[in-house]
N, C-alpha and C. Protein backbone atom coordinates (compact mmCIF):
# COMPACT_ATOMS: atom_id res chain seq x y z
N MET A 1 0.69 -1.41 0.10
CA MET A 1 0.23 0.21 0.06
C MET A 1 0.70 1.26 0.05
N SER A 2 0.24 1.93 -0.54
CA SER A 2 1.05 3.33 -1.13
C SER A 2 1.32 4.56 0.50
N ARG A 3 2.55 4.77 0.26
CA ARG A 3 1.97 5.61 1.87
C ARG A 3 0.52 6.31 2.18
N GLU A 4 0.42 7.68 0.80
CA GLU A 4 -0.23 8.29 0.52
C GLU A 4 -1.95 7.33 0.49
N ARG A 5 -1.98 6.38 0.11
CA ARG A 5 -3.74 5.65 -0.01
C ARG A 5 -3.42 5.36 2.09
N ARG A 6 -2.38 4.96 2.22
CA ARG A 6 -2.44 4.89 3.62
C ARG A 6 -2.62 5.55 4.81
N GLU A 7 -2.22 6.58 4.52
CA GLU A 7 -3.05 8.32 4.60
C GLU A 7 -4.27 8.43 5.01
N LYS A 8 -4.77 8.60 4.13
CA LYS A 8 -5.93 8.46 3.65
C LYS A 8 -7.14 7.74 4.39
N SER A 9 -6.20 5.63 4.64
CA SER A 9 -6.95 5.30 5.23
C SER A 9 -7.10 5.39 6.39
N ILE A 10 -6.27 5.91 6.75
CA ILE A 10 -5.88 6.16 8.46
C ILE A 10 -6.53 7.11 9.10
N THR A 11 -6.93 8.43 7.86
CA THR A 11 -7.62 9.75 8.13
C THR A 11 -9.76 9.44 8.22
N LEU A 12 -8.87 8.51 6.87
CA LEU A 12 -10.86 8.37 7.28
C LEU A 12 -11.46 7.03 8.30
N CYS A 13 -10.49 6.65 8.78
CA CYS A 13 -10.78 5.68 10.20
C CYS A 13 -10.90 6.19 11.75
N LEU A 14 -10.44 7.13 10.97
CA LEU A 14 -9.69 8.42 12.49
C LEU A 14 -11.95 9.02 12.05
N ILE A 15 -11.81 9.48 11.36
CA ILE A 15 -13.18 10.21 10.91
C ILE A 15 -14.17 9.18 11.70
N VAL A 16 -14.73 7.74 11.39
CA VAL A 16 -16.04 7.30 10.79
C VAL A 16 -15.04 6.72 12.70
N LEU A 17 -14.12 6.81 13.49
CA LEU A 17 -13.54 6.45 14.43
C LEU A 17 -14.38 7.81 15.57
N LEU A 18 -14.08 8.67 15.20
CA LEU A 18 -14.88 9.76 15.98
C LEU A 18 -16.33 9.99 15.80
N ILE A 19 -16.96 9.78 14.56
CA ILE A 19 -17.95 10.73 14.56
C ILE A 19 -18.89 8.78 15.43
N LEU A 20 -18.75 7.73 15.17
CA LEU A 20 -18.83 6.64 16.49
C LEU A 20 -18.93 7.59 17.68
N VAL A 21 -17.32 7.71 18.09
CA VAL A 21 -18.41 8.71 19.41
C VAL A 21 -19.54 9.42 19.96
N ASP A 22 -19.38 10.41 18.70
CA ASP A 22 -20.28 11.33 19.24
C ASP A 22 -21.03 10.31 18.53
N GLN A 23 -21.98 9.50 18.12
CA GLN A 23 -23.06 9.02 17.93
C GLN A 23 -23.30 8.20 19.21
N LEU A 24 -22.27 7.21 19.13
CA LEU A 24 -22.90 5.87 20.43
C LEU A 24 -23.63 7.10 21.96
N SER A 25 -22.69 7.86 21.85
CA SER A 25 -22.72 8.55 23.35
C SER A 25 -24.29 9.29 23.22
N LYS A 26 -23.94 9.66 22.02
CA LYS A 26 -25.68 10.45 22.28
C LYS A 26 -26.92 9.44 22.22
N PHE A 27 -26.48 7.98 21.86
CA PHE A 27 -27.70 6.34 21.67
C PHE A 27 -28.28 5.86 23.35
N PHE A 28 -26.20 6.15 23.91
CA PHE A 28 -26.94 5.52 25.06
C PHE A 28 -27.01 6.89 25.68
N VAL A 29 -26.93 8.26 26.23
CA VAL A 29 -27.32 9.08 26.87
C VAL A 29 -28.88 9.22 26.78
N HIS A 30 -29.59 9.22 25.40
CA HIS A 30 -30.52 8.95 25.45
C HIS A 30 -31.51 7.44 25.96
N PHE A 31 -30.71 6.41 25.26
CA PHE A 31 -31.41 5.69 26.68
C PHE A 31 -31.37 5.48 27.36
N ALA A 32 -29.95 6.41 27.68
CA ALA A 32 -29.90 6.04 29.47
C ALA A 32 -31.13 7.48 30.63
N LEU A 33 -31.56 8.39 29.61
CA LEU A 33 -32.11 8.66 30.65
C LEU A 33 -34.30 9.10 28.89
N ASN A 34 -33.84 7.90 29.15
CA ASN A 34 -35.25 7.23 28.22
C ASN A 34 -35.73 8.68 27.62
N GLY A 35 -35.08 8.86 26.89
CA GLY A 35 -35.31 9.89 25.73
C GLY A 35 -36.28 10.82 26.49
N LEU A 36 -35.55 11.38 27.47
CA LEU A 36 -37.16 12.79 27.90
C LEU A 36 -36.25 13.73 28.53
N PRO A 37 -36.12 14.60 27.52
CA PRO A 37 -36.27 16.06 27.60
C PRO A 37 -35.50 17.04 28.26
N GLN A 38 -34.07 17.66 28.42
CA GLN A 38 -34.49 18.60 30.02
C GLN A 38 -34.07 17.33 31.00
N ARG A 39 -34.43 15.96 30.99
CA ARG A 39 -34.27 15.11 32.66
C ARG A 39 -32.45 15.32 32.43
N SER A 40 -31.85 15.25 33.73
CA SER A 40 -31.12 15.13 34.46
C SER A 40 -30.43 14.44 34.58
N PHE A 41 -28.65 13.67 35.01
CA PHE A 41 -28.35 13.06 35.54
C PHE A 41 -27.02 13.46 36.18
N PRO A 42 -26.81 13.37 38.59
CA PRO A 42 -26.07 14.13 37.84
C PRO A 42 -24.61 13.02 38.06
N ILE A 43 -23.55 13.44 36.71
CA ILE A 43 -22.19 12.88 37.56
C ILE A 43 -21.51 13.30 38.52
N ILE A 44 -20.88 14.67 38.86
CA ILE A 44 -20.56 15.26 39.61
C ILE A 44 -21.57 16.21 39.80
N LYS A 45 -22.00 16.68 41.27
CA LYS A 45 -22.96 17.99 41.91
C LYS A 45 -22.59 18.62 41.56
N ASN A 46 -23.43 19.63 41.08
CA ASN A 46 -23.48 20.69 41.01
C ASN A 46 -22.44 21.11 40.15
N PHE A 47 -21.59 20.21 39.35
CA PHE A 47 -20.85 20.34 37.94
C PHE A 47 -21.39 20.06 37.11
N PHE A 48 -21.19 18.06 36.75
CA PHE A 48 -21.08 17.70 35.88
C PHE A 48 -22.56 16.68 35.67
N HIS A 49 -23.43 17.66 35.48
CA HIS A 49 -25.02 16.95 34.62
C HIS A 49 -24.52 16.03 32.87
N LEU A 50 -25.16 14.76 33.29
CA LEU A 50 -26.62 14.30 32.14
C LEU A 50 -27.19 14.61 31.64
N THR A 51 -27.23 15.63 30.91
CA THR A 51 -28.48 16.65 30.82
C THR A 51 -29.38 15.82 29.20
N LEU A 52 -30.30 15.81 29.09
CA LEU A 52 -30.71 15.21 27.33
C LEU A 52 -31.68 16.87 26.62
N VAL A 53 -31.47 17.20 25.83
CA VAL A 53 -31.39 18.75 25.26
C VAL A 53 -31.31 18.27 24.15
N GLN A 54 -33.03 19.15 23.03
CA GLN A 54 -33.05 18.29 21.98
C GLN A 54 -33.12 20.29 21.86
N ASN A 55 -31.55 20.14 20.37
CA ASN A 55 -30.91 20.76 20.49
C ASN A 55 -31.34 21.46 18.54
N LYS A 56 -32.06 22.41 18.18
CA LYS A 56 -32.43 23.17 17.26
C LYS A 56 -31.18 24.59 16.36
N GLY A 57 -31.00 24.87 17.30
CA GLY A 57 -30.17 25.67 16.69
C GLY A 57 -28.49 25.33 16.78
N THR A 58 -27.05 26.00 16.59
CA THR A 58 -26.17 26.25 16.69
C THR A 58 -25.31 25.04 18.04
N ALA A 59 -24.30 24.80 18.04
CA ALA A 59 -23.49 25.00 19.11
C ALA A 59 -23.81 25.12 20.18
N PHE A 60 -23.83 24.51 21.57
CA PHE A 60 -24.43 25.67 22.51
C PHE A 60 -26.06 26.40 22.24
N GLY A 61 -26.59 25.52 21.21
CA GLY A 61 -28.32 26.42 20.82
C GLY A 61 -28.19 27.10 21.03
N LEU A 62 -27.04 28.40 19.65
CA LEU A 62 -27.60 29.49 19.48
C LEU A 62 -28.03 29.34 17.37
N LEU A 63 -29.05 30.19 17.59
CA LEU A 63 -29.72 30.15 16.26
C LEU A 63 -30.74 29.37 16.27
N ARG A 64 -31.94 28.77 17.27
CA ARG A 64 -32.43 27.87 16.71
C ARG A 64 -33.64 28.16 15.59
N ASN A 65 -34.04 27.09 15.68
CA ASN A 65 -35.16 26.77 14.53
C ASN A 65 -35.02 27.52 12.81
N GLN A 66 -33.44 27.07 12.77
CA GLN A 66 -32.53 27.86 11.60
C GLN A 66 -32.21 26.04 10.61
N SER A 67 -33.08 25.18 10.98
CA SER A 67 -32.72 23.21 10.29
C SER A 67 -32.07 23.74 9.21
N PHE A 68 -33.39 24.00 8.24
CA PHE A 68 -32.68 23.92 7.01
C PHE A 68 -31.12 24.68 6.19
N PHE A 69 -30.77 26.06 6.75
CA PHE A 69 -29.95 26.17 7.03
C PHE A 69 -28.67 25.77 7.23
N PHE A 70 -28.60 24.92 8.89
CA PHE A 70 -27.73 24.08 9.18
C PHE A 70 -27.51 23.32 8.51
N ILE A 71 -28.64 22.58 8.33
CA ILE A 71 -28.23 20.89 7.47
C ILE A 71 -27.63 21.50 6.06
N LEU A 72 -28.07 23.05 5.55
CA LEU A 72 -26.57 22.80 4.43
C LEU A 72 -25.81 23.01 4.09
N VAL A 73 -26.14 24.36 5.47
CA VAL A 73 -24.08 24.86 5.95
C VAL A 73 -23.21 23.24 6.43
N SER A 74 -23.13 22.12 6.76
CA SER A 74 -23.03 21.02 7.28
C SER A 74 -22.68 20.08 6.69
N PHE A 75 -23.51 19.85 4.73
CA PHE A 75 -23.62 19.58 4.07
C PHE A 75 -22.26 19.85 3.58
N VAL A 76 -22.73 21.55 3.63
CA VAL A 76 -21.37 21.91 1.70
C VAL A 76 -19.95 21.74 2.79
N ALA A 77 -20.09 21.62 4.34
CA ALA A 77 -18.48 21.94 5.44
C ALA A 77 -18.00 19.65 5.08
N VAL A 78 -19.27 19.38 5.16
CA VAL A 78 -18.79 17.71 5.22
C VAL A 78 -17.99 17.90 3.57
N ILE A 79 -18.43 18.36 2.30
CA ILE A 79 -18.31 17.77 0.77
C ILE A 79 -16.59 18.63 0.99
N LEU A 80 -17.30 20.01 1.27
CA LEU A 80 -15.61 21.23 0.22
C LEU A 80 -14.18 20.13 1.47
N ILE A 81 -15.19 19.93 3.29
CA ILE A 81 -13.88 19.75 4.06
C ILE A 81 -13.23 18.08 3.03
N SER A 82 -14.08 17.19 3.12
CA SER A 82 -13.20 15.59 3.02
C SER A 82 -12.93 15.76 1.54
N HIS A 83 -13.58 16.47 0.73
CA HIS A 83 -12.48 16.99 -1.05
C HIS A 83 -11.38 17.47 -0.82
N PHE A 84 -10.80 17.82 0.40
CA PHE A 84 -9.88 18.92 1.15
C PHE A 84 -8.53 17.41 1.40
N LEU A 85 -9.21 16.77 2.22
CA LEU A 85 -8.71 15.43 2.93
C LEU A 85 -8.37 14.54 2.00
N PHE A 86 -8.74 13.58 0.86
CA PHE A 86 -8.94 13.46 0.35
C PHE A 86 -8.28 13.05 -1.31
N PHE A 87 -8.67 14.23 -1.81
CA PHE A 87 -9.03 14.52 -3.60
C PHE A 87 -7.75 16.44 -3.72
N ARG A 88 -7.85 16.85 -2.90
CA ARG A 88 -6.78 17.82 -3.33
C ARG A 88 -5.18 16.99 -3.52
N LYS A 89 -4.30 17.40 -4.53
CA LYS A 89 -3.45 17.29 -4.43
C LYS A 89 -2.63 17.72 -3.16
N GLU A 90 -2.26 19.10 -3.70
CA GLU A 90 -1.15 20.11 -3.11
C GLU A 90 -2.23 19.67 -1.12
N LYS A 91 -1.27 19.08 -0.41
CA LYS A 91 -2.64 19.00 1.13
C LYS A 91 -1.66 19.78 2.39
N ASN A 92 -1.97 20.00 2.80
CA ASN A 92 -1.35 21.50 4.64
C ASN A 92 -1.31 19.84 5.50
N LYS A 93 -0.48 19.21 5.24
CA LYS A 93 -0.69 17.99 6.43
C LYS A 93 -1.01 18.47 8.02
N ARG A 94 -0.22 19.87 8.47
CA ARG A 94 -0.47 19.80 9.95
C ARG A 94 -1.75 20.29 9.77
N LEU A 95 -2.92 19.99 8.65
CA LEU A 95 -4.55 20.65 8.79
C LEU A 95 -5.16 19.28 9.32
N ARG A 96 -4.38 18.54 8.64
CA ARG A 96 -5.33 16.44 8.28
C ARG A 96 -5.85 16.13 10.18
N ILE A 97 -5.76 16.55 11.53
CA ILE A 97 -5.88 16.65 12.28
C ILE A 97 -7.47 16.73 12.61
N PRO A 98 -6.77 18.82 12.91
CA PRO A 98 -8.04 19.88 12.64
C PRO A 98 -9.36 19.48 12.03
N LEU A 99 -9.14 19.07 10.61
CA LEU A 99 -9.44 19.02 10.05
C LEU A 99 -10.77 17.37 9.91
N CYS A 100 -9.77 16.51 10.13
CA CYS A 100 -10.65 15.53 10.49
C CYS A 100 -11.72 15.62 11.57
N LEU A 101 -11.01 16.31 12.67
CA LEU A 101 -12.11 16.87 13.45
C LEU A 101 -13.37 17.80 13.62
N ILE A 102 -13.63 18.56 12.82
CA ILE A 102 -14.16 18.95 12.06
C ILE A 102 -15.53 19.02 11.60
N LEU A 103 -14.69 17.96 10.58
CA LEU A 103 -15.76 16.55 9.64
C LEU A 103 -16.55 15.97 10.22
N ALA A 104 -15.75 15.62 11.21
CA ALA A 104 -17.06 14.56 12.08
C ALA A 104 -17.66 14.96 12.87
N GLY A 105 -17.86 16.26 13.06
CA GLY A 105 -18.73 17.46 13.86
C GLY A 105 -19.30 17.67 13.67
N ALA A 106 -19.32 18.00 11.70
CA ALA A 106 -19.98 18.28 11.81
C ALA A 106 -20.87 16.94 10.89
N ALA A 107 -20.33 16.69 10.77
CA ALA A 107 -20.75 14.88 9.92
C ALA A 107 -22.30 14.01 11.56
N GLY A 108 -21.86 14.09 12.52
CA GLY A 108 -22.48 13.72 13.58
C GLY A 108 -23.69 14.52 13.83
N ASN A 109 -23.54 15.94 13.99
CA ASN A 109 -25.22 17.10 13.87
C ASN A 109 -26.14 16.37 12.80
N LEU A 110 -24.87 16.84 11.48
CA LEU A 110 -26.49 16.43 10.37
C LEU A 110 -26.78 15.21 10.38
N ILE A 111 -26.45 14.26 11.10
CA ILE A 111 -26.66 12.65 11.18
C ILE A 111 -27.98 12.91 11.51
N ASP A 112 -27.67 13.25 13.04
CA ASP A 112 -28.93 13.93 13.95
C ASP A 112 -30.04 14.62 13.61
N ARG A 113 -29.51 15.84 12.91
CA ARG A 113 -30.37 17.16 11.98
C ARG A 113 -31.41 16.02 11.20
N LEU A 114 -31.15 15.28 9.92
CA LEU A 114 -31.49 14.33 9.89
C LEU A 114 -31.99 13.24 9.96
N THR A 115 -32.11 13.02 11.21
CA THR A 115 -32.90 12.39 11.24
C THR A 115 -34.20 12.01 13.13
N PHE A 116 -33.58 12.97 13.46
CA PHE A 116 -34.48 13.78 14.18
C PHE A 116 -34.94 15.27 14.25
N GLY A 117 -34.74 16.00 13.68
CA GLY A 117 -34.24 17.09 13.67
C GLY A 117 -33.73 18.24 14.04
N PHE A 118 -33.30 17.78 14.54
CA PHE A 118 -32.39 18.37 16.27
C PHE A 118 -31.31 18.37 16.39
N VAL A 119 -30.60 18.16 16.85
CA VAL A 119 -29.01 17.35 17.82
C VAL A 119 -29.22 17.18 19.06
N ILE A 120 -28.43 15.82 18.99
CA ILE A 120 -29.20 15.31 20.66
C ILE A 120 -27.30 15.86 21.45
N ASP A 121 -28.11 17.12 22.91
CA ASP A 121 -26.84 17.70 23.25
C ASP A 121 -26.60 16.93 24.50
N PHE A 122 -25.66 16.72 25.49
CA PHE A 122 -26.23 15.95 26.33
C PHE A 122 -24.78 16.36 27.75
N LEU A 123 -23.66 17.09 27.25
CA LEU A 123 -22.66 17.95 28.35
C LEU A 123 -23.33 18.40 28.50
N ASP A 124 -23.51 18.13 30.36
CA ASP A 124 -24.13 19.80 30.86
C ASP A 124 -22.76 19.46 32.52
N PHE A 125 -21.97 21.12 32.60
CA PHE A 125 -21.47 21.13 33.22
C PHE A 125 -21.50 22.66 34.09
N ARG A 126 -22.92 22.92 33.94
CA ARG A 126 -23.75 23.73 34.47
C ARG A 126 -23.21 24.89 34.27
N ILE A 127 -22.46 25.66 34.24
CA ILE A 127 -21.96 27.08 34.09
C ILE A 127 -21.86 27.10 32.43
N TRP A 128 -22.53 26.36 31.19
CA TRP A 128 -21.56 26.07 29.86
C TRP A 128 -23.32 25.39 29.59
N PRO A 129 -23.96 25.93 28.46
CA PRO A 129 -24.71 25.91 27.97
C PRO A 129 -24.11 24.19 27.33
N VAL A 130 -25.51 23.36 27.22
CA VAL A 130 -25.62 21.55 27.11
C VAL A 130 -24.83 21.44 25.56
N PHE A 131 -23.47 21.11 25.73
CA PHE A 131 -23.59 20.33 24.52
C PHE A 131 -23.36 18.68 23.85
N ASN A 132 -22.15 18.69 23.30
CA ASN A 132 -22.05 16.76 22.57
C ASN A 132 -20.43 17.13 22.29
N PHE A 133 -20.36 15.77 21.96
CA PHE A 133 -19.00 15.66 21.56
C PHE A 133 -18.94 16.01 20.38
N ALA A 134 -19.29 16.18 19.15
CA ALA A 134 -19.84 17.06 17.40
C ALA A 134 -19.06 18.46 18.28
N ASP A 135 -19.81 18.55 18.60
CA ASP A 135 -19.73 20.45 18.66
C ASP A 135 -18.65 20.76 19.85
N SER A 136 -17.85 19.53 20.46
CA SER A 136 -16.74 20.08 21.48
C SER A 136 -15.22 19.21 20.14
N PHE A 137 -15.32 18.71 18.65
CA PHE A 137 -14.80 17.64 18.04
C PHE A 137 -14.54 19.09 17.72
N ILE A 138 -16.05 19.67 16.93
CA ILE A 138 -16.20 20.98 15.84
C ILE A 138 -14.94 22.18 16.78
N CYS A 139 -15.25 22.70 18.12
CA CYS A 139 -14.50 23.77 19.00
C CYS A 139 -12.83 24.06 19.01
N VAL A 140 -12.10 22.25 19.31
CA VAL A 140 -10.99 22.36 19.56
C VAL A 140 -10.24 21.91 17.51
N GLY A 141 -10.77 21.51 16.77
CA GLY A 141 -10.31 21.27 15.36
C GLY A 141 -10.73 23.06 15.10
N VAL A 142 -10.94 24.19 14.98
CA VAL A 142 -10.77 25.43 14.80
C VAL A 142 -9.71 26.53 15.69
N GLY A 143 -9.55 25.85 16.82
CA GLY A 143 -8.94 26.15 17.84
C GLY A 143 -6.97 25.19 17.46
N LEU A 144 -7.50 24.45 16.64
CA LEU A 144 -5.91 24.27 16.69
C LEU A 144 -5.89 24.87 15.12
N ILE A 145 -6.76 25.31 13.97
CA ILE A 145 -6.52 25.91 13.21
C ILE A 145 -5.73 27.32 13.60
N VAL A 146 -6.66 27.98 14.49
CA VAL A 146 -5.84 29.38 15.17
C VAL A 146 -4.95 29.27 15.89
N LEU A 147 -4.17 27.90 16.84
CA LEU A 147 -3.39 28.28 17.44
C LEU A 147 -1.89 27.94 15.96
N GLN A 148 -2.35 27.14 14.91
CA GLN A 148 -1.18 27.02 13.66
C GLN A 148 -1.30 28.05 12.48
N VAL A 149 -2.19 28.88 12.70
CA VAL A 149 -2.06 30.35 12.41
C VAL A 149 -1.52 30.53 12.80
N PHE A 150 -1.86 31.51 14.00
CA PHE A 150 -1.14 32.33 15.47
C PHE A 150 0.38 32.12 15.71
N HIS A 151 0.44 30.20 15.27
CA HIS A 151 2.02 30.55 15.37
C HIS A 151 3.59 30.40 13.83
N ALA A 152 2.47 30.52 12.41
CA ALA A 152 2.79 30.17 11.32
C ALA A 152 3.24 31.90 11.65
N ASN A 153 2.03 32.87 11.81
CA ASN A 153 1.75 33.91 11.92
C ASN A 153 3.51 34.16 12.74
N GLN A 154 3.52 33.96 13.70
CA GLN A 154 5.13 34.15 15.08
C GLN A 154 6.04 34.04 13.96
N CYS A 155 6.16 33.11 13.05
CA CYS A 155 7.65 32.45 13.04
C CYS A 155 7.56 33.28 11.20
N GLN A 156 6.57 34.04 10.99
CA GLN A 156 6.94 35.20 9.90
C GLN A 156 7.63 36.38 10.25
N ALA A 157 6.86 36.58 11.28
CA ALA A 157 7.19 37.99 12.73
C ALA A 157 8.82 37.53 12.64
N ARG A 158 8.92 36.80 13.83
CA ARG A 158 10.44 36.47 13.66
C ARG A 158 11.04 36.22 12.70
N PHE A 159 11.42 35.81 11.80
CA PHE A 159 12.06 34.64 11.07
C PHE A 159 12.03 35.78 10.04
N GLY A 160 10.71 36.67 9.40
CA GLY A 160 10.31 37.01 7.74
C GLY A 160 10.37 35.39 7.38
N ARG A 161 9.10 34.96 7.35
CA ARG A 161 8.79 33.73 6.54
C ARG A 161 8.19 32.93 7.35
N THR A 162 8.11 31.94 6.06
CA THR A 162 6.38 30.83 7.28
C THR A 162 7.98 29.50 7.41
N LYS A 163 6.81 28.47 8.39
CA LYS A 163 8.27 27.48 7.86
C LYS A 163 7.34 26.56 6.97
N THR A 164 8.33 25.42 7.15
CA THR A 164 8.64 25.21 5.61
C THR A 164 7.21 23.89 6.04
N ARG A 165 6.43 24.30 5.10
CA ARG A 165 5.36 22.68 5.50
C ARG A 165 5.89 21.19 4.78
N ARG A 166 5.09 20.53 6.31
CA ARG A 166 5.45 18.51 6.78
C ARG A 166 4.34 18.08 5.84
């Protein structure tokens, strides 16, 4: 197997694994809380609960009742990121993990929207809106990209050029 083919296989396996983590966790919590919205189970009292929420908005419940728009945006994101990861010749390998996270998060929430008409959220830290693993994957992926851009800008400011791609 060629190196490129092996890298694509690993990338695909990572994306599938992340989607499975998201979907299986939602299934487990939905089952454990009898599918009752707003039902909460304390894991660490007054700090971390499993709270079942039917989210019709974006991450953390923002922009509610825009289902068609979010389905469209998620679908386009999945297609564009997939194209970048699997079909584009020139690749920045440092973007692979962040893009896998964003793709898996977008796909996980897209599956929910297409299946239920809403996204299942359940991670409740009491001081933050309830969210799920897909939301976390998206936020971490975007955060990693921001850090990479910041690092590249620091290198450019310090050395007058960016580091070479690997």
